[in-house]
Amino acid sequence: MVQGPIGIRDQSPEDVAGKFLTFSANTAGTQVKTGAGFLLGINVNTAGTGGVNVITLYDGTSTAGPLIGIFPTTPVSVVDVNPVAFTTGLFVVLTGTTTSGNITIIYS
C-alpha cells in the first residue's frame, strides 16, 4: 500500500479523521457518501493495466452531478486534493481497460 501525506486545511477534528472506501474492480457507479462532505485524498494502491484506467468523481448521487475530477489509476500514487468540498454527495465511477487497479477514496 502506498502511504503519503493528505493535505488537510481548516478542518474540524471529526473531518480530519476521515473515512475510506476501497475499490478493486470496475464500477459503473457507487455512492460513497450522501450529503455534504470533503474529498480528502485518493490512494492508488495497485495500478490499473492495459490502456485507459481512471477514477471519475461526481458531486451528486449519479453521473448527472457536477464533475469533481478525473484521475488516472496509473501509476501507483497518492493524490492530494487539499480537501475538495462536495454538497450533494460523493459518487465514484472506476473504469479500466484490462484491470482498473485498486483505489482507496478518503473522505469525510
Protein backbone atom coordinates (compact mmCIF):
# COMPACT_ATOMS: atom_id res chain seq x y z
CA MET A 1 0.00 0.00 0.00
CA VAL A 2 1.27 3.44 -0.87
CA GLN A 3 1.27 5.88 2.00
CA GLY A 4 1.73 9.60 1.86
CA PRO A 5 0.53 12.90 3.20
CA ILE A 6 -3.03 14.03 2.74
CA GLY A 7 -3.41 17.80 2.65
CA ILE A 8 -5.95 18.90 5.23
CA ARG A 9 -6.64 22.57 5.93
CA ASP A 10 -9.15 24.29 8.20
CA GLN A 11 -10.90 21.07 9.17
CA SER A 12 -12.65 20.21 12.39
CA PRO A 13 -11.23 17.21 14.33
CA GLU A 14 -14.02 14.91 13.13
CA ASP A 15 -13.27 15.82 9.49
CA VAL A 16 -9.55 15.20 9.88
CA ALA A 17 -10.13 11.60 10.93
CA GLY A 18 -11.76 10.81 7.58
CA LYS A 19 -13.35 7.63 6.29
CA PHE A 20 -12.31 5.48 3.38
CA LEU A 21 -13.71 3.13 0.78
CA THR A 22 -11.61 0.83 -1.40
CA PHE A 23 -12.47 -0.23 -4.95
CA SER A 24 -10.78 -3.21 -6.58
CA ALA A 25 -12.88 -3.64 -9.73
CA ASN A 26 -14.56 -1.54 -12.37
CA THR A 27 -17.80 0.04 -11.27
CA ALA A 28 -20.41 1.85 -13.35
CA GLY A 29 -21.04 3.93 -10.25
CA THR A 30 -21.02 3.72 -6.47
CA GLN A 31 -22.46 6.17 -3.96
CA VAL A 32 -19.68 6.75 -1.43
CA LYS A 33 -21.44 9.37 0.69
CA THR A 34 -24.78 11.16 0.60
CA GLY A 35 -24.88 14.79 1.66
CA ALA A 36 -22.15 17.36 2.11
CA GLY A 37 -18.58 16.43 2.90
CA PHE A 38 -14.97 16.65 1.80
CA LEU A 39 -12.86 14.57 -0.55
CA LEU A 40 -9.55 14.29 1.31
CA GLY A 41 -7.46 12.12 -0.98
CA ILE A 42 -7.11 9.18 -3.33
CA ASN A 43 -4.63 6.33 -2.93
CA VAL A 44 -3.84 4.22 -5.98
CA ASN A 45 -2.83 1.03 -4.18
CA THR A 46 -2.37 -1.13 -7.29
CA ALA A 47 -2.06 0.44 -10.72
CA GLY A 48 -4.60 -0.36 -13.43
CA THR A 49 -3.29 -2.11 -16.54
CA GLY A 50 -3.92 -2.20 -20.26
CA GLY A 51 -4.96 1.19 -21.60
CA VAL A 52 -7.15 3.90 -20.11
CA ASN A 53 -7.74 3.49 -16.37
CA VAL A 54 -9.42 6.33 -14.50
CA ILE A 55 -11.49 7.16 -11.48
CA THR A 56 -14.17 9.80 -12.03
CA LEU A 57 -15.71 11.62 -9.08
CA TYR A 58 -19.02 13.50 -9.06
CA ASP A 59 -20.74 15.78 -6.56
CA GLY A 60 -24.09 14.02 -6.55
CA THR A 61 -25.92 10.73 -6.42
CA SER A 62 -25.17 9.73 -10.02
CA THR A 63 -23.05 10.69 -13.02
CA ALA A 64 -25.53 13.52 -13.62
CA GLY A 65 -23.96 15.50 -10.77
CA PRO A 66 -21.24 18.10 -11.30
CA LEU A 67 -17.83 16.64 -12.09
CA ILE A 68 -15.29 16.89 -9.26
CA GLY A 69 -12.43 15.40 -11.23
CA ILE A 70 -10.97 12.60 -13.33
CA PHE A 71 -7.81 10.94 -12.03
CA PRO A 72 -5.59 8.25 -13.61
CA THR A 73 -5.19 4.97 -11.73
CA THR A 74 -1.67 4.54 -13.09
CA PRO A 75 0.94 4.68 -11.70
CA VAL A 76 0.68 3.77 -8.02
CA SER A 77 0.39 7.14 -6.30
CA VAL A 78 -1.28 9.31 -3.70
CA VAL A 79 -3.46 12.16 -4.97
CA ASP A 80 -3.52 15.05 -2.51
CA VAL A 81 -6.68 17.05 -3.14
CA ASN A 82 -6.37 19.55 -0.22
CA PRO A 83 -9.74 18.93 0.58
CA VAL A 84 -12.41 19.38 -2.03
CA ALA A 85 -15.91 20.14 -0.73
CA PHE A 86 -18.96 18.44 -2.20
CA THR A 87 -22.55 19.32 -1.35
CA THR A 88 -24.94 16.65 -2.66
CA GLY A 89 -22.84 13.52 -2.26
CA LEU A 90 -19.75 11.71 -3.49
CA PHE A 91 -20.33 9.36 -6.44
CA VAL A 92 -17.47 7.31 -7.92
CA VAL A 93 -17.01 5.58 -11.28
CA LEU A 94 -13.92 3.40 -11.74
CA THR A 95 -13.04 2.26 -15.26
CA GLY A 96 -10.18 0.26 -16.67
CA THR A 97 -9.37 -1.34 -20.00
CA THR A 98 -7.91 -4.57 -18.61
CA THR A 99 -7.90 -4.10 -14.84
CA SER A 100 -8.84 -0.92 -13.04
CA GLY A 101 -6.41 -1.42 -10.18
CA ASN A 102 -7.14 -0.97 -6.50
CA ILE A 103 -8.14 2.50 -5.31
CA THR A 104 -8.92 3.96 -1.88
CA ILE A 105 -11.05 7.12 -1.60
CA ILE A 106 -10.56 9.12 1.61
CA TYR A 107 -13.45 11.43 2.55
CA SER A 108 -15.30 12.96 5.45
